[in-house]
Amino acid sequence: MPTRPEKRKRPWKTEKLAHQRAIDMSWFYNDRRWRRFSKAYKQRHPLCCDCEDEGVSTPTQVTDHIVRYLDGGTGFDLDDLKDEDFKPRCKRHHDARSGRQAHGK
């Protein structure tokens, strides 16, 4: 029976963190309660709030926290998720905002 070759440690390559995130939030985003809330929220708020401000109608793709977990944001209690802690965003606006926050701009 063939065997899989051993993984070699390459000292010239740096170790990668999963998604380059400072904190693993899988405990929150992989929970059934979050997924159910997010799906219902996107149905209640079908258009991106930032696109609406620009006069464009783009469907909501992401339920975005207004204040990040790292910044002490609310809305991370899975038993008490409220609409006022979130904003509906398209992927473009969510990624732009998250990038600015992650890089301190």
PDB file of N, CA and C in Angstrom:
ATOM      1  N   MET A   1       0.841  -1.177   0.000  1.00  0.00           N
ATOM      2  CA  MET A   1       0.000   0.000   0.000  1.00  0.00           C
ATOM      3  C   MET A   1       0.888   1.244   0.000  1.00  0.00           C
ATOM      4  N   PRO A   2       0.637   2.212  -0.897  1.00  0.00           N
ATOM      5  CA  PRO A   2       1.481   3.406  -0.933  1.00  0.00           C
ATOM      6  C   PRO A   2       1.282   4.268   0.302  1.00  0.00           C
ATOM      7  N   THR A   3       2.308   4.967   0.661  1.00  0.00           N
ATOM      8  CA  THR A   3       2.228   5.880   1.816  1.00  0.00           C
ATOM      9  C   THR A   3       2.397   7.311   1.336  1.00  0.00           C
ATOM     10  N   ARG A   4       1.788   8.199   2.069  1.00  0.00           N
ATOM     11  CA  ARG A   4       1.877   9.625   1.755  1.00  0.00           C
ATOM     12  C   ARG A   4       3.216  10.162   2.234  1.00  0.00           C
ATOM     13  N   PRO A   5       3.885  10.958   1.425  1.00  0.00           N
ATOM     14  CA  PRO A   5       5.177  11.500   1.861  1.00  0.00           C
ATOM     15  C   PRO A   5       4.993  12.460   3.038  1.00  0.00           C
ATOM     16  N   GLU A   6       6.021  12.519   3.870  1.00  0.00           N
ATOM     17  CA  GLU A   6       5.963  13.414   5.027  1.00  0.00           C
ATOM     18  C   GLU A   6       6.066  14.864   4.576  1.00  0.00           C
ATOM     19  N   LYS A   7       5.347  15.747   5.302  1.00  0.00           N
ATOM     20  CA  LYS A   7       5.453  17.182   5.011  1.00  0.00           C
ATOM     21  C   LYS A   7       6.782  17.684   5.558  1.00  0.00           C
ATOM     22  N   ARG A   8       7.476  18.430   4.731  1.00  0.00           N
ATOM     23  CA  ARG A   8       8.756  18.985   5.155  1.00  0.00           C
ATOM     24  C   ARG A   8       8.576  20.419   5.607  1.00  0.00           C
ATOM     25  N   LYS A   9       9.259  20.759   6.641  1.00  0.00           N
ATOM     26  CA  LYS A   9       9.268  22.134   7.122  1.00  0.00           C
ATOM     27  C   LYS A   9      10.243  22.918   6.279  1.00  0.00           C
ATOM     28  N   ARG A  10       9.749  23.952   5.647  1.00  0.00           N
ATOM     29  CA  ARG A  10      10.603  24.793   4.813  1.00  0.00           C
ATOM     30  C   ARG A  10      10.932  26.064   5.591  1.00  0.00           C
ATOM     31  N   PRO A  11      12.167  26.174   6.091  1.00  0.00           N
ATOM     32  CA  PRO A  11      12.514  27.310   6.952  1.00  0.00           C
ATOM     33  C   PRO A  11      12.454  28.666   6.243  1.00  0.00           C
ATOM     34  N   TRP A  12      12.518  28.687   4.938  1.00  0.00           N
ATOM     35  CA  TRP A  12      12.465  29.951   4.205  1.00  0.00           C
ATOM     36  C   TRP A  12      11.038  30.447   3.999  1.00  0.00           C
ATOM     37  N   LYS A  13      10.031  29.623   4.318  1.00  0.00           N
ATOM     38  CA  LYS A  13       8.635  30.037   4.183  1.00  0.00           C
ATOM     39  C   LYS A  13       8.063  30.353   5.557  1.00  0.00           C
ATOM     40  N   THR A  14       7.287  31.431   5.636  1.00  0.00           N
ATOM     41  CA  THR A  14       6.673  31.809   6.913  1.00  0.00           C
ATOM     42  C   THR A  14       5.382  31.023   7.120  1.00  0.00           C
ATOM     43  N   GLU A  15       5.056  30.781   8.371  1.00  0.00           N
ATOM     44  CA  GLU A  15       3.816  30.075   8.715  1.00  0.00           C
ATOM     45  C   GLU A  15       2.633  30.975   8.407  1.00  0.00           C
ATOM     46  N   LYS A  16       1.585  30.397   7.827  1.00  0.00           N
ATOM     47  CA  LYS A  16       0.386  31.163   7.504  1.00  0.00           C
ATOM     48  C   LYS A  16      -0.681  30.949   8.562  1.00  0.00           C
ATOM     49  N   LEU A  17      -1.326  32.030   8.945  1.00  0.00           N
ATOM     50  CA  LEU A  17      -2.474  31.948   9.830  1.00  0.00           C
ATOM     51  C   LEU A  17      -3.717  31.775   8.967  1.00  0.00           C
ATOM     52  N   ALA A  18      -4.724  31.112   9.499  1.00  0.00           N
ATOM     53  CA  ALA A  18      -5.957  30.924   8.750  1.00  0.00           C
ATOM     54  C   ALA A  18      -6.598  32.273   8.470  1.00  0.00           C
ATOM     55  N   HIS A  19      -6.723  32.629   7.218  1.00  0.00           N
ATOM     56  CA  HIS A  19      -7.355  33.865   6.747  1.00  0.00           C
ATOM     57  C   HIS A  19      -6.695  35.118   7.311  1.00  0.00           C
ATOM     58  N   GLN A  20      -5.498  35.008   7.875  1.00  0.00           N
ATOM     59  CA  GLN A  20      -4.748  36.142   8.412  1.00  0.00           C
ATOM     60  C   GLN A  20      -5.565  36.923   9.448  1.00  0.00           C
ATOM     61  N   ARG A  21      -6.337  36.233  10.239  1.00  0.00           N
ATOM     62  CA  ARG A  21      -7.172  36.896  11.241  1.00  0.00           C
ATOM     63  C   ARG A  21      -6.501  36.839  12.615  1.00  0.00           C
ATOM     64  N   ALA A  22      -6.708  37.881  13.406  1.00  0.00           N
ATOM     65  CA  ALA A  22      -6.114  37.948  14.737  1.00  0.00           C
ATOM     66  C   ALA A  22      -6.834  37.026  15.717  1.00  0.00           C
ATOM     67  N   ILE A  23      -8.150  36.868  15.534  1.00  0.00           N
ATOM     68  CA  ILE A  23      -8.966  36.043  16.432  1.00  0.00           C
ATOM     69  C   ILE A  23      -9.805  35.097  15.593  1.00  0.00           C
ATOM     70  N   ASP A  24      -9.899  33.844  16.023  1.00  0.00           N
ATOM     71  CA  ASP A  24     -10.728  32.862  15.331  1.00  0.00           C
ATOM     72  C   ASP A  24     -12.177  33.055  15.784  1.00  0.00           C
ATOM     73  N   MET A  25     -13.034  33.499  14.848  1.00  0.00           N
ATOM     74  CA  MET A  25     -14.447  33.746  15.172  1.00  0.00           C
ATOM     75  C   MET A  25     -15.361  32.628  14.679  1.00  0.00           C
ATOM     76  N   SER A  26     -14.798  31.452  14.384  1.00  0.00           N
ATOM     77  CA  SER A  26     -15.619  30.371  13.865  1.00  0.00           C
ATOM     78  C   SER A  26     -16.682  29.937  14.881  1.00  0.00           C
ATOM     79  N   TRP A  27     -16.410  30.101  16.175  1.00  0.00           N
ATOM     80  CA  TRP A  27     -17.397  29.744  17.192  1.00  0.00           C
ATOM     81  C   TRP A  27     -18.690  30.536  16.991  1.00  0.00           C
ATOM     82  N   PHE A  28     -18.570  31.748  16.448  1.00  0.00           N
ATOM     83  CA  PHE A  28     -19.741  32.599  16.238  1.00  0.00           C
ATOM     84  C   PHE A  28     -20.365  32.354  14.867  1.00  0.00           C
ATOM     85  N   TYR A  29     -19.566  32.483  13.817  1.00  0.00           N
ATOM     86  CA  TYR A  29     -20.100  32.451  12.456  1.00  0.00           C
ATOM     87  C   TYR A  29     -20.528  31.057  11.993  1.00  0.00           C
ATOM     88  N   ASN A  30     -20.056  30.005  12.628  1.00  0.00           N
ATOM     89  CA  ASN A  30     -20.474  28.660  12.254  1.00  0.00           C
ATOM     90  C   ASN A  30     -21.656  28.154  13.072  1.00  0.00           C
ATOM     91  N   ASP A  31     -22.154  28.968  13.966  1.00  0.00           N
ATOM     92  CA  ASP A  31     -23.277  28.571  14.812  1.00  0.00           C
ATOM     93  C   ASP A  31     -24.604  28.677  14.056  1.00  0.00           C
ATOM     94  N   ARG A  32     -25.481  27.743  14.291  1.00  0.00           N
ATOM     95  CA  ARG A  32     -26.785  27.709  13.623  1.00  0.00           C
ATOM     96  C   ARG A  32     -27.618  28.957  13.927  1.00  0.00           C
ATOM     97  N   ARG A  33     -27.514  29.453  15.160  1.00  0.00           N
ATOM     98  CA  ARG A  33     -28.306  30.639  15.519  1.00  0.00           C
ATOM     99  C   ARG A  33     -27.883  31.866  14.703  1.00  0.00           C
ATOM    100  N   TRP A  34     -26.565  32.048  14.486  1.00  0.00           N
ATOM    101  CA  TRP A  34     -26.084  33.161  13.668  1.00  0.00           C
ATOM    102  C   TRP A  34     -26.537  33.006  12.228  1.00  0.00           C
ATOM    103  N   ARG A  35     -26.382  31.825  11.675  1.00  0.00           N
ATOM    104  CA  ARG A  35     -26.759  31.605  10.277  1.00  0.00           C
ATOM    105  C   ARG A  35     -28.251  31.846  10.059  1.00  0.00           C
ATOM    106  N   ARG A  36     -29.065  31.415  10.982  1.00  0.00           N
ATOM    107  CA  ARG A  36     -30.505  31.624  10.880  1.00  0.00           C
ATOM    108  C   ARG A  36     -30.848  33.112  10.987  1.00  0.00           C
ATOM    109  N   PHE A  37     -30.228  33.803  11.946  1.00  0.00           N
ATOM    110  CA  PHE A  37     -30.467  35.235  12.113  1.00  0.00           C
ATOM    111  C   PHE A  37     -30.018  36.005  10.870  1.00  0.00           C
ATOM    112  N   SER A  38     -28.822  35.692  10.366  1.00  0.00           N
ATOM    113  CA  SER A  38     -28.284  36.408   9.219  1.00  0.00           C
ATOM    114  C   SER A  38     -29.160  36.233   7.984  1.00  0.00           C
ATOM    115  N   LYS A  39     -29.635  35.034   7.770  1.00  0.00           N
ATOM    116  CA  LYS A  39     -30.508  34.781   6.614  1.00  0.00           C
ATOM    117  C   LYS A  39     -31.810  35.578   6.726  1.00  0.00           C
ATOM    118  N   ALA A  40     -32.410  35.579   7.915  1.00  0.00           N
ATOM    119  CA  ALA A  40     -33.647  36.331   8.131  1.00  0.00           C
ATOM    120  C   ALA A  40     -33.398  37.838   8.014  1.00  0.00           C
ATOM    121  N   TYR A  41     -32.246  38.307   8.512  1.00  0.00           N
ATOM    122  CA  TYR A  41     -31.907  39.734   8.447  1.00  0.00           C
ATOM    123  C   TYR A  41     -31.792  40.188   6.994  1.00  0.00           C
ATOM    124  N   LYS A  42     -31.141  39.368   6.173  1.00  0.00           N
ATOM    125  CA  LYS A  42     -30.983  39.717   4.756  1.00  0.00           C
ATOM    126  C   LYS A  42     -32.328  39.729   4.029  1.00  0.00           C
ATOM    127  N   GLN A  43     -33.271  38.914   4.492  1.00  0.00           N
ATOM    128  CA  GLN A  43     -34.610  38.943   3.895  1.00  0.00           C
ATOM    129  C   GLN A  43     -35.370  40.198   4.324  1.00  0.00           C
ATOM    130  N   ARG A  44     -35.163  40.641   5.564  1.00  0.00           N
ATOM    131  CA  ARG A  44     -35.823  41.854   6.054  1.00  0.00           C
ATOM    132  C   ARG A  44     -35.207  43.114   5.456  1.00  0.00           C
ATOM    133  N   HIS A  45     -33.912  43.069   5.143  1.00  0.00           N
ATOM    134  CA  HIS A  45     -33.172  44.209   4.589  1.00  0.00           C
ATOM    135  C   HIS A  45     -32.531  43.765   3.278  1.00  0.00           C
ATOM    136  N   PRO A  46     -33.273  43.763   2.177  1.00  0.00           N
ATOM    137  CA  PRO A  46     -32.780  43.169   0.926  1.00  0.00           C
ATOM    138  C   PRO A  46     -31.755  44.002   0.155  1.00  0.00           C
ATOM    139  N   LEU A  47     -31.590  45.286   0.485  1.00  0.00           N
ATOM    140  CA  LEU A  47     -30.672  46.135  -0.280  1.00  0.00           C
ATOM    141  C   LEU A  47     -29.521  46.651   0.585  1.00  0.00           C
ATOM    142  N   CYS A  48     -28.352  46.784  -0.034  1.00  0.00           N
ATOM    143  CA  CYS A  48     -27.157  47.302   0.644  1.00  0.00           C
ATOM    144  C   CYS A  48     -27.397  48.755   1.060  1.00  0.00           C
ATOM    145  N   CYS A  49     -27.122  49.075   2.321  1.00  0.00           N
ATOM    146  CA  CYS A  49     -27.355  50.433   2.823  1.00  0.00           C
ATOM    147  C   CYS A  49     -26.413  51.449   2.167  1.00  0.00           C
ATOM    148  N   ASP A  50     -25.180  51.066   1.876  1.00  0.00           N
ATOM    149  CA  ASP A  50     -24.228  51.987   1.261  1.00  0.00           C
ATOM    150  C   ASP A  50     -24.562  52.241  -0.206  1.00  0.00           C
ATOM    151  N   CYS A  51     -25.003  51.195  -0.907  1.00  0.00           N
ATOM    152  CA  CYS A  51     -25.400  51.361  -2.313  1.00  0.00           C
ATOM    153  C   CYS A  51     -26.638  52.245  -2.414  1.00  0.00           C
ATOM    154  N   GLU A  52     -27.555  52.104  -1.461  1.00  0.00           N
ATOM    155  CA  GLU A  52     -28.754  52.957  -1.453  1.00  0.00           C
ATOM    156  C   GLU A  52     -28.364  54.413  -1.301  1.00  0.00           C
ATOM    157  N   ASP A  53     -27.365  54.707  -0.469  1.00  0.00           N
ATOM    158  CA  ASP A  53     -26.883  56.081  -0.297  1.00  0.00           C
ATOM    159  C   ASP A  53     -26.298  56.631  -1.596  1.00  0.00           C
ATOM    160  N   GLU A  54     -25.745  55.743  -2.425  1.00  0.00           N
ATOM    161  CA  GLU A  54     -25.172  56.144  -3.712  1.00  0.00           C
ATOM    162  C   GLU A  54     -26.223  56.182  -4.815  1.00  0.00           C
ATOM    163  N   GLY A  55     -27.456  55.748  -4.503  1.00  0.00           N
ATOM    164  CA  GLY A  55     -28.528  55.739  -5.486  1.00  0.00           C
ATOM    165  C   GLY A  55     -28.553  54.503  -6.368  1.00  0.00           C
ATOM    166  N   VAL A  56     -27.942  53.419  -5.892  1.00  0.00           N
ATOM    167  CA  VAL A  56     -27.879  52.165  -6.640  1.00  0.00           C
ATOM    168  C   VAL A  56     -28.601  51.081  -5.842  1.00  0.00           C
ATOM    169  N   SER A  57     -29.272  50.173  -6.529  1.00  0.00           N
ATOM    170  CA  SER A  57     -29.951  49.060  -5.863  1.00  0.00           C
ATOM    171  C   SER A  57     -29.132  47.788  -6.023  1.00  0.00           C
ATOM    172  N   THR A  58     -28.456  47.397  -4.950  1.00  0.00           N
ATOM    173  CA  THR A  58     -27.653  46.176  -4.954  1.00  0.00           C
ATOM    174  C   THR A  58     -28.160  45.270  -3.837  1.00  0.00           C
ATOM    175  N   PRO A  59     -28.360  43.980  -4.110  1.00  0.00           N
ATOM    176  CA  PRO A  59     -28.851  43.086  -3.061  1.00  0.00           C
ATOM    177  C   PRO A  59     -27.842  42.908  -1.931  1.00  0.00           C
ATOM    178  N   THR A  60     -28.364  42.704  -0.741  1.00  0.00           N
ATOM    179  CA  THR A  60     -27.540  42.450   0.433  1.00  0.00           C
ATOM    180  C   THR A  60     -26.906  41.075   0.312  1.00  0.00           C
ATOM    181  N   GLN A  61     -25.610  41.004   0.562  1.00  0.00           N
ATOM    182  CA  GLN A  61     -24.915  39.726   0.554  1.00  0.00           C
ATOM    183  C   GLN A  61     -24.311  39.395   1.909  1.00  0.00           C
ATOM    184  N   VAL A  62     -24.102  40.412   2.745  1.00  0.00           N
ATOM    185  CA  VAL A  62     -23.417  40.224   4.020  1.00  0.00           C
ATOM    186  C   VAL A  62     -24.173  40.941   5.127  1.00  0.00           C
ATOM    187  N   THR A  63     -24.331  40.267   6.258  1.00  0.00           N
ATOM    188  CA  THR A  63     -24.855  40.905   7.465  1.00  0.00           C
ATOM    189  C   THR A  63     -23.631  41.373   8.243  1.00  0.00           C
ATOM    190  N   ASP A  64     -23.407  42.680   8.288  1.00  0.00           N
ATOM    191  CA  ASP A  64     -22.170  43.238   8.831  1.00  0.00           C
ATOM    192  C   ASP A  64     -22.392  43.825  10.222  1.00  0.00           C
ATOM    193  N   HIS A  65     -21.486  43.486  11.151  1.00  0.00           N
ATOM    194  CA  HIS A  65     -21.533  44.109  12.476  1.00  0.00           C
ATOM    195  C   HIS A  65     -21.147  45.576  12.357  1.00  0.00           C
ATOM    196  N   ILE A  66     -21.839  46.446  13.059  1.00  0.00           N
ATOM    197  CA  ILE A  66     -21.514  47.866  13.029  1.00  0.00           C
ATOM    198  C   ILE A  66     -20.186  48.116  13.748  1.00  0.00           C
ATOM    199  N   VAL A  67     -19.982  47.459  14.894  1.00  0.00           N
ATOM    200  CA  VAL A  67     -18.736  47.582  15.656  1.00  0.00           C
ATOM    201  C   VAL A  67     -18.086  46.203  15.740  1.00  0.00           C
ATOM    202  N   ARG A  68     -16.812  46.124  15.393  1.00  0.00           N
ATOM    203  CA  ARG A  68     -16.095  44.841  15.393  1.00  0.00           C
ATOM    204  C   ARG A  68     -16.005  44.234  16.791  1.00  0.00           C
ATOM    205  N   TYR A  69     -15.796  42.930  16.818  1.00  0.00           N
ATOM    206  CA  TYR A  69     -15.598  42.195  18.076  1.00  0.00           C
ATOM    207  C   TYR A  69     -14.366  42.716  18.800  1.00  0.00           C
ATOM    208  N   LEU A  70     -13.293  42.975  18.047  1.00  0.00           N
ATOM    209  CA  LEU A  70     -12.045  43.468  18.644  1.00  0.00           C
ATOM    210  C   LEU A  70     -12.209  44.839  19.291  1.00  0.00           C
ATOM    211  N   ASP A  71     -13.165  45.611  18.796  1.00  0.00           N
ATOM    212  CA  ASP A  71     -13.409  46.952  19.322  1.00  0.00           C
ATOM    213  C   ASP A  71     -14.495  46.959  20.395  1.00  0.00           C
ATOM    214  N   GLY A  72     -14.865  45.789  20.893  1.00  0.00           N
ATOM    215  CA  GLY A  72     -15.856  45.701  21.956  1.00  0.00           C
ATOM    216  C   GLY A  72     -17.287  45.843  21.462  1.00  0.00           C
ATOM    217  N   GLY A  73     -17.536  45.439  20.244  1.00  0.00           N
ATOM    218  CA  GLY A  73     -18.858  45.577  19.652  1.00  0.00           C
ATOM    219  C   GLY A  73     -19.907  44.693  20.302  1.00  0.00           C
ATOM    220  N   THR A  74     -21.149  45.136  20.181  1.00  0.00           N
ATOM    221  CA  THR A  74     -22.255  44.322  20.661  1.00  0.00           C
ATOM    222  C   THR A  74     -22.751  43.474  19.496  1.00  0.00           C
ATOM    223  N   GLY A  75     -23.652  42.572  19.773  1.00  0.00           N
ATOM    224  CA  GLY A  75     -24.183  41.731  18.721  1.00  0.00           C
ATOM    225  C   GLY A  75     -23.453  40.412  18.587  1.00  0.00           C
ATOM    226  N   PHE A  76     -22.663  40.049  19.582  1.00  0.00           N
ATOM    227  CA  PHE A  76     -21.957  38.777  19.534  1.00  0.00           C
ATOM    228  C   PHE A  76     -22.503  37.785  20.548  1.00  0.00           C
ATOM    229  N   ASP A  77     -23.618  38.135  21.207  1.00  0.00           N
ATOM    230  CA  ASP A  77     -24.302  37.209  22.102  1.00  0.00           C
ATOM    231  C   ASP A  77     -25.306  36.436  21.255  1.00  0.00           C
ATOM    232  N   LEU A  78     -25.046  35.161  21.028  1.00  0.00           N
ATOM    233  CA  LEU A  78     -25.875  34.358  20.131  1.00  0.00           C
ATOM    234  C   LEU A  78     -27.312  34.208  20.625  1.00  0.00           C
ATOM    235  N   ASP A  79     -27.536  34.429  21.906  1.00  0.00           N
ATOM    236  CA  ASP A  79     -28.893  34.316  22.446  1.00  0.00           C
ATOM    237  C   ASP A  79     -29.642  35.646  22.382  1.00  0.00           C
ATOM    238  N   ASP A  80     -28.956  36.724  21.983  1.00  0.00           N
ATOM    239  CA  ASP A  80     -29.591  38.041  21.975  1.00  0.00           C
ATOM    240  C   ASP A  80     -29.124  38.856  20.766  1.00  0.00           C
ATOM    241  N   LEU A  81     -29.421  38.379  19.563  1.00  0.00           N
ATOM    242  CA  LEU A  81     -29.040  39.082  18.332  1.00  0.00           C
ATOM    243  C   LEU A  81     -30.124  40.089  17.971  1.00  0.00           C
ATOM    244  N   LYS A  82     -29.731  41.370  17.785  1.00  0.00           N
ATOM    245  CA  LYS A  82     -30.698  42.442  17.499  1.00  0.00           C
ATOM    246  C   LYS A  82     -30.336  43.132  16.190  1.00  0.00           C
ATOM    247  N   ASP A  83     -31.358  43.562  15.458  1.00  0.00           N
ATOM    248  CA  ASP A  83     -31.155  44.237  14.177  1.00  0.00           C
ATOM    249  C   ASP A  83     -30.310  45.498  14.285  1.00  0.00           C
ATOM    250  N   GLU A  84     -30.398  46.214  15.404  1.00  0.00           N
ATOM    251  CA  GLU A  84     -29.696  47.498  15.502  1.00  0.00           C
ATOM    252  C   GLU A  84     -28.172  47.357  15.602  1.00  0.00           C
ATOM    253  N   ASP A  85     -27.663  46.125  15.788  1.00  0.00           N
ATOM    254  CA  ASP A  85     -26.219  45.903  15.855  1.00  0.00           C
ATOM    255  C   ASP A  85     -25.604  45.596  14.489  1.00  0.00           C
ATOM    256  N   PHE A  86     -26.430  45.583  13.432  1.00  0.00           N
ATOM    257  CA  PHE A  86     -25.967  45.140  12.123  1.00  0.00           C
ATOM    258  C   PHE A  86     -26.376  46.100  11.016  1.00  0.00           C
ATOM    259  N   LYS A  87     -25.690  45.992   9.874  1.00  0.00           N
ATOM    260  CA  LYS A  87     -26.048  46.755   8.671  1.00  0.00           C
ATOM    261  C   LYS A  87     -26.013  45.797   7.485  1.00  0.00           C
ATOM    262  N   PRO A  88     -26.965  45.953   6.554  1.00  0.00           N
ATOM    263  CA  PRO A  88     -26.942  45.115   5.349  1.00  0.00           C
ATOM    264  C   PRO A  88     -25.953  45.698   4.342  1.00  0.00           C
ATOM    265  N   ARG A  89     -25.036  44.877   3.839  1.00  0.00           N
ATOM    266  CA  ARG A  89     -24.046  45.367   2.885  1.00  0.00           C
ATOM    267  C   ARG A  89     -23.841  44.369   1.750  1.00  0.00           C
ATOM    268  N   CYS A  90     -23.466  44.904   0.591  1.00  0.00           N
ATOM    269  CA  CYS A  90     -23.033  44.052  -0.520  1.00  0.00           C
ATOM    270  C   CYS A  90     -21.583  43.660  -0.228  1.00  0.00           C
ATOM    271  N   LYS A  91     -21.081  42.683  -0.937  1.00  0.00           N
ATOM    272  CA  LYS A  91     -19.720  42.209  -0.687  1.00  0.00           C
ATOM    273  C   LYS A  91     -18.682  43.300  -0.929  1.00  0.00           C
ATOM    274  N   ARG A  92     -18.878  44.118  -1.948  1.00  0.00           N
ATOM    275  CA  ARG A  92     -17.917  45.183  -2.267  1.00  0.00           C
ATOM    276  C   ARG A  92     -17.777  46.163  -1.109  1.00  0.00           C
ATOM    277  N   HIS A  93     -18.907  46.651  -0.584  1.00  0.00           N
ATOM    278  CA  HIS A  93     -18.842  47.616   0.520  1.00  0.00           C
ATOM    279  C   HIS A  93     -18.369  46.957   1.816  1.00  0.00           C
ATOM    280  N   HIS A  94     -18.757  45.704   2.058  1.00  0.00           N
ATOM    281  CA  HIS A  94     -18.311  45.006   3.263  1.00  0.00           C
ATOM    282  C   HIS A  94     -16.794  44.825   3.242  1.00  0.00           C
ATOM    283  N   ASP A  95     -16.256  44.364   2.111  1.00  0.00           N
ATOM    284  CA  ASP A  95     -14.818  44.133   2.025  1.00  0.00           C
ATOM    285  C   ASP A  95     -14.028  45.436   2.130  1.00  0.00           C
ATOM    286  N   ALA A  96     -14.547  46.505   1.535  1.00  0.00           N
ATOM    287  CA  ALA A  96     -13.870  47.799   1.619  1.00  0.00           C
ATOM    288  C   ALA A  96     -13.832  48.288   3.071  1.00  0.00           C
ATOM    289  N   ARG A  97     -14.943  48.185   3.761  1.00  0.00           N
ATOM    290  CA  ARG A  97     -15.025  48.643   5.152  1.00  0.00           C
ATOM    291  C   ARG A  97     -14.147  47.776   6.061  1.00  0.00           C
ATOM    292  N   SER A  98     -14.210  46.462   5.883  1.00  0.00           N
ATOM    293  CA  SER A  98     -13.408  45.554   6.705  1.00  0.00           C
ATOM    294  C   SER A  98     -11.915  45.784   6.486  1.00  0.00           C
ATOM    295  N   GLY A  99     -11.526  46.037   5.242  1.00  0.00           N
ATOM    296  CA  GLY A  99     -10.120  46.316   4.946  1.00  0.00           C
ATOM    297  C   GLY A  99      -9.634  47.580   5.617  1.00  0.00           C
ATOM    298  N   ARG A 100     -10.468  48.630   5.565  1.00  0.00           N
ATOM    299  CA  ARG A 100     -10.094  49.887   6.235  1.00  0.00           C
ATOM    300  C   ARG A 100      -9.942  49.664   7.740  1.00  0.00           C
ATOM    301  N   GLN A 101     -10.866  48.908   8.332  1.00  0.00           N
ATOM    302  CA  GLN A 101     -10.789  48.661   9.780  1.00  0.00           C
ATOM    303  C   GLN A 101      -9.569  47.817  10.138  1.00  0.00           C
ATOM    304  N   ALA A 102      -9.301  46.798   9.349  1.00  0.00           N
ATOM    305  CA  ALA A 102      -8.187  45.901   9.650  1.00  0.00           C
ATOM    306  C   ALA A 102      -6.840  46.600   9.548  1.00  0.00           C
ATOM    307  N   HIS A 103      -6.742  47.566   8.660  1.00  0.00           N
ATOM    308  CA  HIS A 103      -5.473  48.255   8.450  1.00  0.00           C
ATOM    309  C   HIS A 103      -5.437  49.628   9.122  1.00  0.00           C
ATOM    310  N   GLY A 104      -6.444  49.916   9.943  1.00  0.00           N
ATOM    311  CA  GLY A 104      -6.450  51.134  10.730  1.00  0.00           C
ATOM    312  C   GLY A 104      -6.597  52.409   9.959  1.00  0.00           C
ATOM    313  N   LYS A 105      -7.330  52.379   8.861  1.00  0.00           N
ATOM    314  CA  LYS A 105      -7.506  53.595   8.058  1.00  0.00           C
ATOM    315  C   LYS A 105      -8.880  54.162   8.227  1.00  0.00           C
TER     316      LYS A 105
END
